[in-house]
Amino acid sequence: MIPPNAQVPRHDHSGEEFLHLLEGTATHIEEGSANRDLKPGEAMVIRMGKIHSPKAGPDGARAVVFRVHLEGEPERLELELARIAITPERLRRPGWRRFIQKISR
């Protein structure tokens, strides 16, 4: 559920994300692509590594989301949050090197 007019922070996934919108409306905002408006009953696939930040419409948005991600990698990599607490311990975790490469661009 995304609250009315709220936007999810920019992020990507280490695998594909499958989404089916149940209620409300949303705009899929993906870097390098045109925005896509979604209404109930519509579905889409978000490809691995695509940076996106969906935004809910005035009534919010509720969806069924299914993700297939690489074993040992985090489900979601939020790009803004990475800048605040990169420690040596975190760098040793799976997925962090790819994450740092993305935010360093």
C-alpha atoms as a PDB file:
ATOM      1  CA  MET A   1       0.000   0.000   0.000  1.00  0.00           C
ATOM      2  CA  ILE A   2       1.247   3.455  -0.912  1.00  0.00           C
ATOM      3  CA  PRO A   3      -0.605   6.262   0.901  1.00  0.00           C
ATOM      4  CA  PRO A   4      -2.413   8.938  -1.141  1.00  0.00           C
ATOM      5  CA  ASN A   5      -0.022  11.102  -3.195  1.00  0.00           C
ATOM      6  CA  ALA A   6       3.034   9.483  -1.543  1.00  0.00           C
ATOM      7  CA  GLN A   7       6.099   8.449  -3.502  1.00  0.00           C
ATOM      8  CA  VAL A   8       8.357   5.491  -2.721  1.00  0.00           C
ATOM      9  CA  PRO A   9      12.082   6.455  -2.555  1.00  0.00           C
ATOM     10  CA  ARG A  10      14.246   5.678  -5.607  1.00  0.00           C
ATOM     11  CA  HIS A  11      15.351   2.051  -5.514  1.00  0.00           C
ATOM     12  CA  ASP A  12      16.018  -1.025  -7.596  1.00  0.00           C
ATOM     13  CA  HIS A  13      15.952  -4.794  -7.141  1.00  0.00           C
ATOM     14  CA  SER A  14      18.458  -7.588  -7.733  1.00  0.00           C
ATOM     15  CA  GLY A  15      15.768  -9.465  -9.657  1.00  0.00           C
ATOM     16  CA  GLU A  16      12.500  -8.898 -11.457  1.00  0.00           C
ATOM     17  CA  GLU A  17       9.396  -7.448  -9.810  1.00  0.00           C
ATOM     18  CA  PHE A  18       5.868  -8.360 -10.931  1.00  0.00           C
ATOM     19  CA  LEU A  19       3.069  -5.991  -9.951  1.00  0.00           C
ATOM     20  CA  HIS A  20      -0.745  -6.129 -10.258  1.00  0.00           C
ATOM     21  CA  LEU A  21      -2.621  -3.005  -9.130  1.00  0.00           C
ATOM     22  CA  LEU A  22      -5.713  -3.836  -7.055  1.00  0.00           C
ATOM     23  CA  GLU A  23      -7.020  -0.441  -5.910  1.00  0.00           C
ATOM     24  CA  GLY A  24      -6.366   3.246  -6.478  1.00  0.00           C
ATOM     25  CA  THR A  25      -4.017   4.632  -9.097  1.00  0.00           C
ATOM     26  CA  ALA A  26      -0.265   4.922  -9.403  1.00  0.00           C
ATOM     27  CA  THR A  27       2.394   6.289 -11.699  1.00  0.00           C
ATOM     28  CA  HIS A  28       5.411   4.096 -12.349  1.00  0.00           C
ATOM     29  CA  ILE A  29       8.434   6.401 -12.590  1.00  0.00           C
ATOM     30  CA  GLU A  30      11.506   4.649 -13.964  1.00  0.00           C
ATOM     31  CA  GLU A  31      14.798   6.278 -14.908  1.00  0.00           C
ATOM     32  CA  GLY A  32      15.284   6.254 -18.668  1.00  0.00           C
ATOM     33  CA  SER A  33      11.632   5.475 -19.464  1.00  0.00           C
ATOM     34  CA  ALA A  34       8.414   7.417 -19.878  1.00  0.00           C
ATOM     35  CA  ASN A  35       6.152   7.487 -16.808  1.00  0.00           C
ATOM     36  CA  ARG A  36       3.413   4.852 -16.883  1.00  0.00           C
ATOM     37  CA  ASP A  37       0.020   5.471 -15.272  1.00  0.00           C
ATOM     38  CA  LEU A  38      -1.602   2.383 -13.746  1.00  0.00           C
ATOM     39  CA  LYS A  39      -5.211   1.746 -12.786  1.00  0.00           C
ATOM     40  CA  PRO A  40      -6.864  -1.231 -11.037  1.00  0.00           C
ATOM     41  CA  GLY A  41      -6.509  -4.473 -12.948  1.00  0.00           C
ATOM     42  CA  GLU A  42      -3.339  -3.478 -14.768  1.00  0.00           C
ATOM     43  CA  ALA A  43      -0.081  -5.353 -14.343  1.00  0.00           C
ATOM     44  CA  MET A  44       3.543  -4.789 -15.231  1.00  0.00           C
ATOM     45  CA  VAL A  45       7.035  -6.225 -14.905  1.00  0.00           C
ATOM     46  CA  ILE A  46       9.931  -4.152 -13.600  1.00  0.00           C
ATOM     47  CA  ARG A  47      13.223  -5.516 -14.894  1.00  0.00           C
ATOM     48  CA  MET A  48      16.186  -6.223 -12.656  1.00  0.00           C
ATOM     49  CA  GLY A  49      18.337  -3.196 -11.879  1.00  0.00           C
ATOM     50  CA  LYS A  50      15.856  -0.595 -13.156  1.00  0.00           C
ATOM     51  CA  ILE A  51      15.832   2.398 -10.814  1.00  0.00           C
ATOM     52  CA  HIS A  52      12.244   3.396 -10.066  1.00  0.00           C
ATOM     53  CA  SER A  53      10.094   5.323  -7.592  1.00  0.00           C
ATOM     54  CA  PRO A  54       6.344   4.691  -7.883  1.00  0.00           C
ATOM     55  CA  LYS A  55       3.910   7.423  -6.840  1.00  0.00           C
ATOM     56  CA  ALA A  56       0.346   6.832  -5.661  1.00  0.00           C
ATOM     57  CA  GLY A  57      -2.621   8.815  -6.901  1.00  0.00           C
ATOM     58  CA  PRO A  58      -5.050  10.801  -4.725  1.00  0.00           C
ATOM     59  CA  ASP A  59      -6.697   7.631  -3.341  1.00  0.00           C
ATOM     60  CA  GLY A  60      -3.462   5.762  -2.709  1.00  0.00           C
ATOM     61  CA  ALA A  61      -2.492   2.491  -4.386  1.00  0.00           C
ATOM     62  CA  ARG A  62      -2.715  -1.131  -3.287  1.00  0.00           C
ATOM     63  CA  ALA A  63      -1.034  -3.864  -5.308  1.00  0.00           C
ATOM     64  CA  VAL A  64       0.036  -7.472  -5.236  1.00  0.00           C
ATOM     65  CA  VAL A  65       3.803  -7.540  -5.722  1.00  0.00           C
ATOM     66  CA  PHE A  66       5.928 -10.617  -6.377  1.00  0.00           C
ATOM     67  CA  ARG A  67       9.714 -10.377  -6.585  1.00  0.00           C
ATOM     68  CA  VAL A  68      12.321 -12.866  -7.711  1.00  0.00           C
ATOM     69  CA  HIS A  69      15.744 -11.735  -6.509  1.00  0.00           C
ATOM     70  CA  LEU A  70      19.212 -13.250  -6.481  1.00  0.00           C
ATOM     71  CA  GLU A  71      20.033 -15.474  -3.538  1.00  0.00           C
ATOM     72  CA  GLY A  72      21.973 -13.624  -0.858  1.00  0.00           C
ATOM     73  CA  GLU A  73      21.135 -10.201  -2.296  1.00  0.00           C
ATOM     74  CA  PRO A  74      18.813  -7.717  -0.581  1.00  0.00           C
ATOM     75  CA  GLU A  75      15.260  -7.569  -1.882  1.00  0.00           C
ATOM     76  CA  ARG A  76      15.427  -3.793  -2.396  1.00  0.00           C
ATOM     77  CA  LEU A  77      18.283  -1.318  -2.710  1.00  0.00           C
ATOM     78  CA  GLU A  78      17.151   2.171  -1.704  1.00  0.00           C
ATOM     79  CA  LEU A  79      19.518   4.584  -3.381  1.00  0.00           C
ATOM     80  CA  GLU A  80      19.138   7.642  -1.140  1.00  0.00           C
ATOM     81  CA  LEU A  81      19.694   5.706   2.105  1.00  0.00           C
ATOM     82  CA  ALA A  82      23.013   4.242   0.984  1.00  0.00           C
ATOM     83  CA  ARG A  83      24.848   7.506   1.442  1.00  0.00           C
ATOM     84  CA  ILE A  84      24.413   7.569   5.231  1.00  0.00           C
ATOM     85  CA  ALA A  85      25.942   4.478   6.813  1.00  0.00           C
ATOM     86  CA  ILE A  86      28.408   2.506   4.715  1.00  0.00           C
ATOM     87  CA  THR A  87      30.579   0.522   7.114  1.00  0.00           C
ATOM     88  CA  PRO A  88      33.227  -2.180   6.475  1.00  0.00           C
ATOM     89  CA  GLU A  89      30.808  -4.793   7.855  1.00  0.00           C
ATOM     90  CA  ARG A  90      28.094  -3.751   5.408  1.00  0.00           C
ATOM     91  CA  LEU A  91      30.550  -3.777   2.518  1.00  0.00           C
ATOM     92  CA  ARG A  92      31.143  -7.483   3.142  1.00  0.00           C
ATOM     93  CA  ARG A  93      27.419  -8.299   2.795  1.00  0.00           C
ATOM     94  CA  PRO A  94      26.132  -9.620  -0.546  1.00  0.00           C
ATOM     95  CA  GLY A  95      24.733  -6.926  -2.809  1.00  0.00           C
ATOM     96  CA  TRP A  96      26.485  -3.898  -1.303  1.00  0.00           C
ATOM     97  CA  ARG A  97      29.189  -3.598  -3.958  1.00  0.00           C
ATOM     98  CA  ARG A  98      26.572  -3.402  -6.732  1.00  0.00           C
ATOM     99  CA  PHE A  99      24.606  -0.949  -4.601  1.00  0.00           C
ATOM    100  CA  ILE A 100      27.594   1.364  -4.121  1.00  0.00           C
ATOM    101  CA  GLN A 101      28.390   1.242  -7.814  1.00  0.00           C
ATOM    102  CA  LYS A 102      24.836   2.411  -8.578  1.00  0.00           C
ATOM    103  CA  ILE A 103      24.839   5.358  -6.197  1.00  0.00           C
ATOM    104  CA  SER A 104      28.324   6.437  -7.259  1.00  0.00           C
ATOM    105  CA  ARG A 105      27.270   7.116 -10.854  1.00  0.00           C
END
